[in-house]
Amino acid sequence: MITMLPTKGTPVTPITNPELWYQWYITLSEDAPELCDQFIEETAAKMEITVDYLYDEFLPPPYSALV
């Protein structure tokens, strides 16, 4: 399946484009796990929510189950 890339002004978040965001998260956690925290923090900032809320709502425990 081909995933549409976001337009320049649209931030990719679990709300705006969940399929693409989770694909990025899974790929990042497999290939560069040291960057996952930064990815989560930047996503939370784009969504204007706390990191804890992002984990609670969009990455339910265990967080590694998506990987």
N, C-alpha and C. Protein backbone atom coordinates (compact mmCIF):
# COMPACT_ATOMS: atom_id res chain seq x y z
N MET A 1 0.84 -1.17 0.00
CA MET A 1 0.00 0.00 0.00
C MET A 1 0.89 1.24 0.00
N ILE A 2 0.50 2.22 -0.77
CA ILE A 2 1.24 3.48 -0.83
C ILE A 2 0.60 4.46 0.14
N THR A 3 1.42 5.03 1.01
CA THR A 3 0.94 6.01 1.96
C THR A 3 1.20 7.39 1.40
N MET A 4 0.18 8.21 1.43
CA MET A 4 0.33 9.58 0.92
C MET A 4 1.23 10.37 1.86
N LEU A 5 2.14 11.12 1.29
CA LEU A 5 2.98 11.98 2.09
C LEU A 5 2.20 13.23 2.45
N PRO A 6 2.46 13.78 3.61
CA PRO A 6 1.72 14.97 4.02
C PRO A 6 2.10 16.18 3.19
N THR A 7 1.19 17.13 3.10
CA THR A 7 1.54 18.38 2.44
C THR A 7 2.46 19.16 3.35
N LYS A 8 3.10 20.18 2.79
CA LYS A 8 4.11 20.92 3.53
C LYS A 8 3.59 21.51 4.84
N GLY A 9 2.37 22.00 4.87
CA GLY A 9 1.86 22.66 6.06
C GLY A 9 1.15 21.76 7.05
N THR A 10 1.00 20.49 6.74
CA THR A 10 0.26 19.57 7.61
C THR A 10 1.22 18.75 8.47
N PRO A 11 1.19 18.94 9.79
CA PRO A 11 2.06 18.11 10.64
C PRO A 11 1.51 16.68 10.71
N VAL A 12 2.39 15.73 10.71
CA VAL A 12 1.98 14.33 10.82
C VAL A 12 1.94 13.97 12.29
N THR A 13 0.77 13.63 12.77
CA THR A 13 0.56 13.25 14.16
C THR A 13 -0.36 12.02 14.18
N PRO A 14 -0.52 11.39 15.34
CA PRO A 14 -1.44 10.26 15.41
C PRO A 14 -2.90 10.65 15.11
N ILE A 15 -3.20 11.93 15.15
CA ILE A 15 -4.57 12.37 14.84
C ILE A 15 -4.70 12.74 13.37
N THR A 16 -3.74 13.49 12.82
CA THR A 16 -3.87 13.96 11.43
C THR A 16 -3.61 12.88 10.40
N ASN A 17 -2.68 11.98 10.68
CA ASN A 17 -2.36 10.91 9.74
C ASN A 17 -1.83 9.71 10.54
N PRO A 18 -2.73 9.00 11.22
CA PRO A 18 -2.28 7.93 12.12
C PRO A 18 -1.50 6.83 11.44
N GLU A 19 -1.91 6.42 10.26
CA GLU A 19 -1.22 5.32 9.58
C GLU A 19 0.25 5.67 9.32
N LEU A 20 0.49 6.85 8.78
CA LEU A 20 1.86 7.27 8.49
C LEU A 20 2.66 7.49 9.77
N TRP A 21 2.04 8.12 10.78
CA TRP A 21 2.76 8.39 12.02
C TRP A 21 3.20 7.09 12.68
N TYR A 22 2.32 6.10 12.77
CA TYR A 22 2.69 4.83 13.39
C TYR A 22 3.72 4.08 12.56
N GLN A 23 3.67 4.20 11.24
CA GLN A 23 4.71 3.60 10.40
C GLN A 23 6.07 4.22 10.73
N TRP A 24 6.09 5.55 10.84
CA TRP A 24 7.34 6.23 11.18
C TRP A 24 7.82 5.80 12.56
N TYR A 25 6.91 5.73 13.54
CA TYR A 25 7.28 5.36 14.90
C TYR A 25 7.87 3.95 14.93
N ILE A 26 7.24 3.02 14.27
CA ILE A 26 7.72 1.64 14.26
C ILE A 26 9.09 1.55 13.59
N THR A 27 9.23 2.21 12.45
CA THR A 27 10.51 2.20 11.74
C THR A 27 11.61 2.82 12.58
N LEU A 28 11.32 3.95 13.19
CA LEU A 28 12.30 4.64 14.03
C LEU A 28 12.68 3.79 15.23
N SER A 29 11.71 3.16 15.88
CA SER A 29 12.03 2.37 17.06
C SER A 29 12.83 1.12 16.72
N GLU A 30 12.70 0.63 15.49
CA GLU A 30 13.50 -0.52 15.07
C GLU A 30 14.89 -0.11 14.59
N ASP A 31 14.96 0.96 13.82
CA ASP A 31 16.22 1.34 13.17
C ASP A 31 17.05 2.36 13.95
N ALA A 32 16.42 3.20 14.74
CA ALA A 32 17.15 4.23 15.48
C ALA A 32 16.45 4.50 16.82
N PRO A 33 16.43 3.52 17.71
CA PRO A 33 15.69 3.69 18.97
C PRO A 33 16.18 4.87 19.82
N GLU A 34 17.41 5.28 19.60
CA GLU A 34 17.93 6.42 20.37
C GLU A 34 17.23 7.73 19.99
N LEU A 35 16.51 7.75 18.87
CA LEU A 35 15.80 8.95 18.44
C LEU A 35 14.31 8.94 18.79
N CYS A 36 13.82 7.86 19.36
CA CYS A 36 12.39 7.74 19.67
C CYS A 36 11.91 8.81 20.64
N ASP A 37 12.68 9.09 21.69
CA ASP A 37 12.27 10.11 22.65
C ASP A 37 12.11 11.46 21.98
N GLN A 38 13.04 11.83 21.13
CA GLN A 38 12.96 13.10 20.42
C GLN A 38 11.74 13.13 19.50
N PHE A 39 11.47 12.04 18.81
CA PHE A 39 10.32 11.94 17.93
C PHE A 39 9.02 12.13 18.72
N ILE A 40 8.92 11.47 19.87
CA ILE A 40 7.73 11.59 20.72
C ILE A 40 7.59 13.02 21.23
N GLU A 41 8.69 13.62 21.68
CA GLU A 41 8.64 14.99 22.20
C GLU A 41 8.22 15.98 21.12
N GLU A 42 8.75 15.82 19.91
CA GLU A 42 8.39 16.72 18.82
C GLU A 42 6.94 16.54 18.40
N THR A 43 6.47 15.31 18.42
CA THR A 43 5.06 15.06 18.10
C THR A 43 4.15 15.70 19.13
N ALA A 44 4.50 15.53 20.40
CA ALA A 44 3.69 16.14 21.47
C ALA A 44 3.67 17.66 21.33
N ALA A 45 4.79 18.25 20.97
CA ALA A 45 4.86 19.70 20.78
C ALA A 45 3.96 20.13 19.62
N LYS A 46 3.99 19.39 18.52
CA LYS A 46 3.13 19.71 17.38
C LYS A 46 1.65 19.65 17.77
N MET A 47 1.32 18.68 18.61
CA MET A 47 -0.07 18.48 19.03
C MET A 47 -0.46 19.39 20.20
N GLU A 48 0.53 20.06 20.78
CA GLU A 48 0.34 20.93 21.94
C GLU A 48 -0.26 20.16 23.12
N ILE A 49 0.33 18.98 23.37
CA ILE A 49 -0.05 18.15 24.51
C ILE A 49 1.22 17.72 25.24
N THR A 50 1.06 17.14 26.41
CA THR A 50 2.23 16.66 27.13
C THR A 50 2.67 15.30 26.58
N VAL A 51 3.92 15.00 26.80
CA VAL A 51 4.46 13.70 26.38
C VAL A 51 3.72 12.57 27.10
N ASP A 52 3.44 12.76 28.37
CA ASP A 52 2.71 11.75 29.13
C ASP A 52 1.34 11.47 28.52
N TYR A 53 0.64 12.52 28.12
CA TYR A 53 -0.67 12.34 27.51
C TYR A 53 -0.55 11.60 26.18
N LEU A 54 0.46 11.92 25.40
CA LEU A 54 0.67 11.23 24.13
C LEU A 54 0.89 9.74 24.37
N TYR A 55 1.73 9.40 25.34
CA TYR A 55 1.94 7.99 25.68
C TYR A 55 0.64 7.32 26.13
N ASP A 56 -0.09 7.99 27.00
CA ASP A 56 -1.32 7.40 27.54
C ASP A 56 -2.39 7.18 26.48
N GLU A 57 -2.54 8.13 25.58
CA GLU A 57 -3.62 8.06 24.60
C GLU A 57 -3.26 7.35 23.30
N PHE A 58 -2.00 7.48 22.87
CA PHE A 58 -1.65 6.99 21.54
C PHE A 58 -0.64 5.84 21.53
N LEU A 59 0.00 5.59 22.65
CA LEU A 59 0.94 4.48 22.76
C LEU A 59 0.65 3.72 24.05
N PRO A 60 -0.48 3.01 24.09
CA PRO A 60 -0.83 2.32 25.32
C PRO A 60 0.19 1.25 25.70
N PRO A 61 0.34 0.99 26.99
CA PRO A 61 1.32 0.00 27.45
C PRO A 61 1.00 -1.38 26.91
N PRO A 62 1.93 -2.22 26.69
CA PRO A 62 3.36 -1.86 26.68
C PRO A 62 3.71 -1.11 25.40
N TYR A 63 4.49 -0.08 25.54
CA TYR A 63 4.83 0.79 24.42
C TYR A 63 5.55 0.04 23.32
N SER A 64 6.26 -0.99 23.66
CA SER A 64 7.00 -1.75 22.66
C SER A 64 6.11 -2.72 21.88
N ALA A 65 4.84 -2.84 22.24
CA ALA A 65 3.96 -3.76 21.54
C ALA A 65 3.73 -3.35 20.10
N LEU A 66 3.88 -2.06 19.80
CA LEU A 66 3.69 -1.60 18.43
C LEU A 66 4.88 -1.94 17.55
N VAL A 67 5.98 -2.23 18.18
CA VAL A 67 7.21 -2.45 17.42
C VAL A 67 7.28 -3.88 16.93
